Protein backbone atom coordinates (compact mmCIF):
# COMPACT_ATOMS: atom_id res chain seq x y z
CA UNK A 1 -213.90 198.44 35.29
CA UNK A 2 -210.62 198.34 37.20
CA UNK A 3 -210.48 194.54 37.25
CA UNK A 4 -211.25 194.23 33.54
CA UNK A 5 -208.97 197.06 32.37
CA UNK A 6 -206.26 197.73 34.95
CA UNK A 7 -203.87 199.45 32.53
CA UNK A 8 -206.58 201.77 31.17
CA UNK A 9 -207.65 202.66 34.72
CA UNK A 10 -204.05 203.37 35.70
CA UNK A 11 -203.56 205.53 32.60
CA UNK A 12 -206.72 207.52 33.39
CA UNK A 13 -205.56 208.03 36.96
CA UNK A 14 -202.16 209.24 35.79
CA UNK A 15 -203.76 211.64 33.30
CA UNK A 16 -206.00 213.01 36.04
CA UNK A 17 -202.98 213.51 38.30
CA UNK A 18 -201.07 215.20 35.49
CA UNK A 19 -204.01 217.53 34.79
CA UNK A 20 -204.26 218.40 38.49
CA UNK A 21 -200.55 219.17 38.68
CA UNK A 22 -200.80 221.32 35.54
CA UNK A 23 -203.69 223.30 36.99
CA UNK A 24 -201.77 223.75 40.27
CA UNK A 25 -198.74 225.04 38.38
CA UNK A 26 -200.90 227.45 36.38
CA UNK A 27 -202.53 228.80 39.57
CA UNK A 28 -199.37 228.78 41.72
CA UNK A 29 -199.34 232.54 42.33
CA UNK A 30 -202.94 232.54 43.54
CA UNK A 31 -202.39 229.45 45.67
CA UNK A 32 -199.37 231.09 47.35
CA UNK A 33 -201.42 234.22 48.15
CA UNK A 34 -204.28 232.28 49.78
CA UNK A 35 -202.79 231.96 53.32
CA UNK A 36 -202.40 235.76 53.54
CA UNK A 37 -206.04 236.33 52.63
CA UNK A 38 -207.43 234.54 55.70
CA UNK A 39 -205.59 236.59 58.35
CA UNK A 40 -205.77 239.88 56.45
CA UNK A 41 -209.52 239.60 55.80
CA UNK A 42 -210.23 238.73 59.43
CA UNK A 43 -208.17 241.61 60.85
CA UNK A 44 -209.43 244.25 58.41
CA UNK A 45 -213.10 243.31 58.46
CA UNK A 46 -213.21 242.92 62.25
CA UNK A 47 -211.54 246.32 62.65
CA UNK A 48 -214.08 247.92 60.33
CA UNK A 49 -217.01 246.20 62.00
CA UNK A 50 -215.87 247.06 65.52
CA UNK A 51 -214.34 250.53 65.22
CA UNK A 52 -215.87 252.08 62.10
CA UNK A 53 -219.41 250.76 62.50
CA UNK A 54 -219.26 250.56 66.34
CA UNK A 55 -220.80 247.08 66.56
CA UNK A 56 -220.39 244.87 69.65
CA UNK A 57 -217.36 242.57 69.76
CA UNK A 58 -219.45 239.37 69.79
CA UNK A 59 -221.31 240.42 66.65
CA UNK A 60 -218.08 241.26 64.82
CA UNK A 61 -216.51 237.91 65.76
CA UNK A 62 -219.46 236.16 64.13
CA UNK A 63 -219.31 238.50 61.15
CA UNK A 64 -215.70 237.60 60.27
CA UNK A 65 -215.95 233.88 61.06
CA UNK A 66 -214.81 231.80 58.08
CA UNK A 67 -214.71 228.17 57.06
CA UNK A 68 -210.92 228.19 57.45
CA UNK A 69 -210.40 229.12 61.11
CA UNK A 70 -207.84 231.58 62.42
CA UNK A 71 -205.27 230.23 64.86
CA UNK A 72 -204.95 233.39 66.97
CA UNK A 73 -206.96 236.58 67.34
CA UNK A 74 -206.56 239.61 69.59
CA UNK A 75 -208.47 242.86 69.90
CA UNK A 76 -206.85 245.80 71.68
CA UNK A 77 -209.62 248.38 72.28
CA UNK A 78 -207.24 250.89 73.90
CA UNK A 79 -205.18 251.15 70.70
CA UNK A 80 -208.07 250.31 68.31
CA UNK A 81 -205.96 247.52 66.90
CA UNK A 82 -206.77 243.99 65.77
CA UNK A 83 -204.32 241.14 65.13
CA UNK A 84 -205.27 237.88 63.42
CA UNK A 85 -203.19 234.83 62.54
CA UNK A 86 -204.13 231.99 60.25
CA UNK A 87 -202.37 229.42 58.07
CA UNK A 88 -198.99 230.61 59.36
CA UNK A 89 -199.49 234.29 58.50
CA UNK A 90 -200.14 237.22 60.87
CA UNK A 91 -201.78 240.55 60.00
CA UNK A 92 -202.70 243.61 62.01
CA UNK A 93 -205.29 246.28 61.26
CA UNK A 94 -205.54 249.61 63.04
CA UNK A 95 -208.31 252.19 63.16
CA UNK A 96 -206.87 255.54 62.04
CA UNK A 97 -209.86 257.81 62.55
CA UNK A 98 -213.35 258.61 61.34
CA UNK A 99 -212.24 259.80 57.91
CA UNK A 100 -209.57 257.13 57.27
CA UNK A 101 -211.24 254.07 58.79
CA UNK A 102 -209.16 250.91 59.27
CA UNK A 103 -205.95 249.99 57.47
CA UNK A 104 -203.81 246.87 57.36
CA UNK A 105 -200.39 247.55 58.83
CA UNK A 106 -197.31 246.28 56.97
């Protein structure tokens, strides 16, 4: 098809690129929020798994494992605090107590 109709193929490719750019512009707010989700989810869910549900650390690491990996992770059992970094963002979650559970720190 490309050899027989090079201009039509080029036009279709340009329209596809334009549609992709339009979709990206429409979803720009959600796309900007995505990097925060990875680190925040990992920190909060690990904290809840480890300190609220009292599961072993190895189990909780497997529980929060995602397709997009985190670049850094630390668990501080003395302070009941978890820090996770991914896609250039860093978030910390802390266990506040039995009634409050875990909370992301600002």
